[in-house]
Each structure stands twice: as structure tokens, then as C-alpha cells.
Amino acid sequence: MGKTTRCWWAGDDPLYVAYHDEEWGVPVHDDRRLFEMLILEGAQAGLSWITILRRREGYRRAFDGFDPERIARYTERKKAALLQDEGIIRNRAKIEAAVGNARAFLEIDDFDGFLWDFVGGKPKQNRFQERGEILPETPESKAMSKELKRRGFNFVGPTICYAFMQAVGMVNDHLTGCFRYRQVKGL
């Protein structure tokens, strides 16, 4: 049996391979999962995604399963405790952003619909053959970033928004030679 062809970034770390093979690019429509991914993508700023993947369970524990109603009520004491939690990235600005983003999230009635409107309600099917073709941001991610910021979100620049869009299946950026390209396209 031949070797499975994957996108270059999956490498050979089992956690990364599983994320690539099972999650990345699969359309997500659950508000809480979308919120989780937006927070994790913001936490990743300046770091590698594998760093966040390795701490994802720590984030889920520390941030109450990404329950936005609970996170929105975090006190200064809770935020100080998060700064001591080795299971997450201990960055004050990113922790403050998660709390502020939870508050902003609660102001949007249909988070799923709001986000998916940026791609017309269905995944954009790219046909990239080489990684150099994938841009770090797009007009859609710029528009999403601008609107999220207008609504009070932080750590949601256009590049973070595009990584988020890729992760939650708003765009299919698996390379055409990747075994997941056609699978994700069919979802």
C-alpha cells in the first residue's frame, strides 16, 4: 500500500496528523465549537499551531469547556489564576482577549450564521496544488476581522481569521494532492 499524501504542514507528529486527518477543514456549525476555535486561533498568534494543539485540553479545562457565559463572568482573580496555569499559554493579553471575546460573542444571536455569511453560507473550495499558492489572508478574512473588531473582539486580525476559516471548514485549503481534499470537498 502506498504512502498517504497529506498537506505538508501535518508532518509526522501523531497529534498534528490526527488534527489534519479528522478536523482541519471540516465544516463546523456549532456555536461553542466555533467560539473555541476562534479563541484557540487567537492564542496561537506568534506561536505554532502544534503548541496550541498540545495544550487544547488544558484550555478546555481552564476555560470551562469554552462556555462563553462563564468566561464572560471571569473576575480579576480568575484571570490571575489563568496566568499561573501551565496548561495554557500564560499571556495576559490573550487571556483578557478570551474574556472580552466571550462578552462580544454573547452579543451575537446566531454566531454560526454571522460567521458563515462571510463565505456566502457554504465552504469556499480552493484548488491549490502547492503551499505557496495559499495566502495568509483573503478579502473574506479581512472583512471578518474588521467586523469582529468592530463588535469588540480581539486577537482576530485577518491572518488569524483566515487560519480560523481554514480550521472550521469555511474554506477548503487542503492541497489538491492531499487525500483529504476530495473528502472535505464532499462534506
Protein backbone atom coordinates (compact mmCIF):
# COMPACT_ATOMS: atom_id res chain seq x y z
CA MET A 1 0.00 0.00 0.00
CA GLY A 2 1.36 3.44 -0.94
CA LYS A 3 2.11 6.31 1.39
CA THR A 4 -0.81 8.59 2.22
CA THR A 5 -0.27 12.07 0.79
CA ARG A 6 -1.12 14.87 3.22
CA CYS A 7 -0.71 18.61 3.30
CA TRP A 8 2.93 19.48 4.10
CA TRP A 9 2.19 21.06 7.47
CA ALA A 10 0.81 17.87 9.05
CA GLY A 11 4.35 16.47 9.35
CA ASP A 12 4.63 13.25 11.32
CA ASP A 13 3.61 14.27 14.85
CA PRO A 14 0.65 11.96 15.66
CA LEU A 15 -1.35 14.83 17.20
CA TYR A 16 -0.85 17.01 14.13
CA VAL A 17 -1.62 14.14 11.73
CA ALA A 18 -4.86 13.34 13.59
CA TYR A 19 -5.86 17.01 13.55
CA HIS A 20 -5.18 17.20 9.80
CA ASP A 21 -6.93 13.91 9.03
CA GLU A 22 -10.00 14.34 11.23
CA GLU A 23 -10.68 18.02 11.92
CA TRP A 24 -8.95 20.60 9.76
CA GLY A 25 -11.22 21.87 7.02
CA VAL A 26 -14.33 20.04 8.21
CA PRO A 27 -17.28 22.48 8.28
CA VAL A 28 -18.25 23.45 11.84
CA HIS A 29 -21.66 24.93 12.65
CA ASP A 30 -21.76 24.56 16.44
CA ASP A 31 -21.52 27.99 18.10
CA ARG A 32 -19.49 26.79 21.08
CA ARG A 33 -17.01 24.91 18.88
CA LEU A 34 -16.68 27.97 16.64
CA PHE A 35 -16.04 30.10 19.72
CA GLU A 36 -13.45 27.60 20.97
CA MET A 37 -11.59 27.63 17.66
CA LEU A 38 -11.63 31.43 17.49
CA ILE A 39 -10.10 31.63 20.98
CA LEU A 40 -7.50 28.95 20.19
CA GLU A 41 -6.54 30.61 16.90
CA GLY A 42 -6.04 33.89 18.78
CA ALA A 43 -3.97 32.11 21.41
CA GLN A 44 -1.78 30.75 18.61
CA ALA A 45 -0.71 34.24 17.48
CA GLY A 46 3.09 34.22 17.30
CA LEU A 47 3.30 30.51 18.09
CA SER A 48 3.00 27.27 16.16
CA TRP A 49 -0.36 25.52 15.97
CA ILE A 50 1.13 22.34 17.44
CA THR A 51 1.89 24.34 20.60
CA ILE A 52 -1.83 25.08 20.93
CA LEU A 53 -2.92 21.56 19.98
CA ARG A 54 -0.74 20.17 22.77
CA ARG A 55 -2.47 22.50 25.23
CA ARG A 56 -6.02 22.22 23.88
CA GLU A 57 -7.22 20.01 26.73
CA GLY A 58 -5.59 22.44 29.17
CA TYR A 59 -7.53 25.26 27.54
CA ARG A 60 -10.78 23.31 27.70
CA ARG A 61 -10.24 22.68 31.41
CA ALA A 62 -9.03 26.18 32.25
CA PHE A 63 -11.72 27.93 30.23
CA ASP A 64 -14.68 25.87 31.48
CA GLY A 65 -15.18 23.94 28.27
CA PHE A 66 -15.25 27.23 26.36
CA ASP A 67 -18.60 28.15 27.88
CA PRO A 68 -18.87 31.80 26.81
CA GLU A 69 -21.38 32.67 29.54
CA ARG A 70 -18.98 31.51 32.24
CA ILE A 71 -15.91 33.05 30.60
CA ALA A 72 -17.69 36.40 30.24
CA ARG A 73 -18.06 36.50 34.03
CA TYR A 74 -14.41 35.84 34.83
CA THR A 75 -13.13 38.04 37.62
CA GLU A 76 -9.68 39.54 38.05
CA ARG A 77 -8.98 36.72 40.49
CA LYS A 78 -9.87 34.06 37.89
CA LYS A 79 -7.75 35.81 35.24
CA ALA A 80 -4.83 35.93 37.70
CA ALA A 81 -5.25 32.18 38.27
CA LEU A 82 -5.18 31.60 34.50
CA LEU A 83 -1.86 33.45 34.33
CA GLN A 84 -0.46 30.74 36.63
CA ASP A 85 -1.97 27.81 34.71
CA GLU A 86 0.79 25.86 32.95
CA GLY A 87 -1.79 24.07 30.80
CA ILE A 88 -2.35 27.17 28.65
CA ILE A 89 -0.34 29.99 27.11
CA ARG A 90 0.09 32.36 30.04
CA ASN A 91 -0.21 35.65 28.21
CA ARG A 92 -2.22 38.40 29.87
CA ALA A 93 -3.36 39.99 26.60
CA LYS A 94 -4.58 36.66 25.22
CA ILE A 95 -6.43 35.82 28.44
CA GLU A 96 -8.05 39.26 28.52
CA ALA A 97 -9.00 38.82 24.85
CA ALA A 98 -10.67 35.46 25.57
CA VAL A 99 -12.81 37.07 28.29
CA GLY A 100 -13.65 40.08 26.13
CA ASN A 101 -14.38 37.83 23.17
CA ALA A 102 -16.81 35.81 25.28
CA ARG A 103 -18.67 39.00 26.12
CA ALA A 104 -18.73 40.04 22.46
CA PHE A 105 -19.84 36.53 21.44
CA LEU A 106 -22.86 36.78 23.74
CA GLU A 107 -24.00 39.89 21.86
CA ILE A 108 -24.40 37.92 18.61
CA ASP A 109 -27.62 35.89 18.37
CA ASP A 110 -26.50 33.43 15.67
CA PHE A 111 -22.71 33.20 15.76
CA ASP A 112 -22.69 30.38 13.19
CA GLY A 113 -24.79 32.32 10.70
CA PHE A 114 -22.86 35.52 11.35
CA LEU A 115 -19.51 33.88 10.59
CA TRP A 116 -20.61 31.74 7.66
CA ASP A 117 -22.10 34.80 5.92
CA PHE A 118 -18.52 35.84 5.15
CA VAL A 119 -18.29 32.90 2.72
CA GLY A 120 -21.88 33.01 1.48
CA GLY A 121 -23.05 30.25 3.80
CA LYS A 122 -21.05 27.42 2.24
CA PRO A 123 -17.39 26.38 2.14
CA LYS A 124 -15.20 28.01 -0.46
CA GLN A 125 -13.49 25.25 -2.44
CA ASN A 126 -9.95 26.30 -3.30
CA ARG A 127 -7.86 24.21 -5.69
CA PHE A 128 -4.34 24.88 -4.52
CA GLN A 129 -1.68 22.47 -5.73
CA GLU A 130 1.28 23.98 -3.85
CA ARG A 131 1.56 25.58 -0.46
CA GLY A 132 2.91 28.80 -1.97
CA GLU A 133 -0.49 29.40 -3.54
CA ILE A 134 -2.21 29.73 -0.15
CA LEU A 135 -2.31 33.33 1.00
CA PRO A 136 -2.16 34.29 4.69
CA GLU A 137 -5.31 36.39 4.38
CA THR A 138 -8.13 36.97 1.92
CA PRO A 139 -10.77 39.64 1.30
CA GLU A 140 -13.18 37.47 3.32
CA SER A 141 -10.82 37.16 6.28
CA LYS A 142 -10.16 40.90 6.17
CA ALA A 143 -13.91 41.59 6.22
CA MET A 144 -14.42 39.10 9.08
CA SER A 145 -11.58 40.65 11.06
CA LYS A 146 -12.91 44.16 10.58
CA GLU A 147 -16.43 43.20 11.67
CA LEU A 148 -15.27 41.14 14.66
CA LYS A 149 -13.09 44.02 15.83
CA ARG A 150 -16.00 46.43 15.37
CA ARG A 151 -18.03 44.18 17.65
CA GLY A 152 -15.34 44.19 20.36
CA PHE A 153 -13.33 41.04 19.60
CA ASN A 154 -9.54 40.98 19.98
CA PHE A 155 -6.79 38.76 18.56
CA VAL A 156 -8.84 38.48 15.38
CA GLY A 157 -6.59 40.00 12.72
CA PRO A 158 -7.05 38.96 9.07
CA THR A 159 -4.38 36.23 9.28
CA ILE A 160 -5.89 34.76 12.46
CA CYS A 161 -9.33 34.91 10.85
CA TYR A 162 -8.07 33.10 7.77
CA ALA A 163 -6.46 30.35 9.85
CA PHE A 164 -9.79 30.08 11.70
CA MET A 165 -11.70 29.88 8.41
CA GLN A 166 -9.41 27.07 7.25
CA ALA A 167 -9.74 25.19 10.53
CA VAL A 168 -13.56 25.30 10.69
CA GLY A 169 -14.07 24.43 7.04
CA MET A 170 -15.20 27.78 5.73
CA VAL A 171 -12.52 27.28 3.09
CA ASN A 172 -11.07 24.01 1.83
CA ASP A 173 -7.34 24.64 1.70
CA HIS A 174 -6.21 21.04 1.64
CA LEU A 175 -3.88 20.82 -1.33
CA THR A 176 -5.47 19.02 -4.28
CA GLY A 177 -2.92 16.21 -3.95
CA CYS A 178 -3.86 15.62 -0.29
CA PHE A 179 -6.07 12.61 0.37
CA ARG A 180 -8.40 14.83 2.44
CA TYR A 181 -9.07 17.34 -0.35
CA ARG A 182 -11.87 15.35 -2.02
CA GLN A 183 -13.22 14.04 1.29
CA VAL A 184 -13.59 17.54 2.72
CA LYS A 185 -14.96 18.86 -0.58
CA GLY A 186 -17.73 16.28 -0.34
CA LEU A 187 -18.86 17.37 3.13
